[in-house]
Amino acid sequence: MALLVLAAVVGGPVGWVLLTIAVAFVAWLLYLAWPYASTNAKLIRVATALLGAALVLVRLLPR
């Protein structure tokens, strides 16, 4: 949680790196829990991972 707050406050390349670390950590936790999840939980986990990846790309490639 602290990495997400720091990424939002800092911005720039440092914020992008912090956000990438936070998203990678969440993706790792989702990967560990995958075998124990129901179908609905798996869909939510995939949506969370895609949303995190989209957020990183938006921060990396602003308009």
Protein backbone atom coordinates (compact mmCIF):
# COMPACT_ATOMS: atom_id res chain seq x y z
CA MET A 1 0.00 0.00 0.00
CA ALA A 2 2.82 2.37 0.83
CA LEU A 3 4.37 1.83 -2.61
CA LEU A 4 1.11 2.83 -4.30
CA VAL A 5 0.86 5.99 -2.21
CA LEU A 6 4.49 6.89 -2.91
CA ALA A 7 4.01 6.25 -6.63
CA ALA A 8 1.02 8.60 -6.66
CA VAL A 9 2.83 11.32 -4.71
CA VAL A 10 6.26 11.16 -6.36
CA GLY A 11 5.33 10.77 -10.01
CA GLY A 12 7.85 10.74 -12.84
CA PRO A 13 10.25 7.85 -13.43
CA VAL A 14 10.58 7.08 -9.72
CA GLY A 15 6.81 6.83 -9.36
CA TRP A 16 6.65 4.55 -12.38
CA VAL A 17 9.24 2.21 -10.89
CA LEU A 18 7.44 2.14 -7.53
CA LEU A 19 4.13 1.41 -9.25
CA THR A 20 5.72 -1.39 -11.28
CA ILE A 21 7.11 -2.97 -8.11
CA ALA A 22 3.71 -2.76 -6.41
CA VAL A 23 1.88 -4.29 -9.40
CA ALA A 24 4.47 -7.07 -9.68
CA PHE A 25 4.03 -7.88 -5.98
CA VAL A 26 0.24 -8.04 -6.33
CA ALA A 27 0.57 -10.24 -9.45
CA TRP A 28 2.88 -12.58 -7.52
CA LEU A 29 0.32 -12.89 -4.71
CA LEU A 30 -2.41 -13.61 -7.27
CA TYR A 31 -0.20 -16.28 -8.83
CA LEU A 32 0.36 -17.97 -5.47
CA ALA A 33 -3.37 -18.09 -4.71
CA TRP A 34 -4.40 -19.24 -8.20
CA PRO A 35 -4.77 -23.01 -7.50
CA TYR A 36 -7.06 -22.39 -4.55
CA ALA A 37 -9.38 -19.90 -6.23
CA SER A 38 -12.83 -20.53 -7.65
CA THR A 39 -13.69 -19.59 -11.23
CA ASN A 40 -15.18 -16.24 -10.21
CA ALA A 41 -12.15 -15.43 -8.08
CA LYS A 42 -9.85 -16.30 -10.99
CA LEU A 43 -11.74 -13.87 -13.26
CA ILE A 44 -11.39 -11.12 -10.68
CA ARG A 45 -7.68 -11.87 -10.34
CA VAL A 46 -7.16 -11.66 -14.11
CA ALA A 47 -9.06 -8.35 -14.20
CA THR A 48 -6.91 -7.02 -11.35
CA ALA A 49 -3.69 -8.00 -13.10
CA LEU A 50 -4.84 -6.41 -16.38
CA LEU A 51 -5.90 -3.23 -14.62
CA GLY A 52 -2.54 -3.01 -12.88
CA ALA A 53 -0.68 -3.52 -16.16
CA ALA A 54 -2.82 -0.85 -17.84
CA LEU A 55 -2.11 1.56 -14.99
CA VAL A 56 1.63 1.03 -15.35
CA LEU A 57 1.43 1.59 -19.13
CA VAL A 58 -0.58 4.78 -18.69
CA ARG A 59 2.00 6.11 -16.24
CA LEU A 60 4.85 5.06 -18.54
CA LEU A 61 3.41 6.49 -21.74
CA PRO A 62 1.50 9.71 -20.91
CA ARG A 63 -0.12 11.75 -23.67
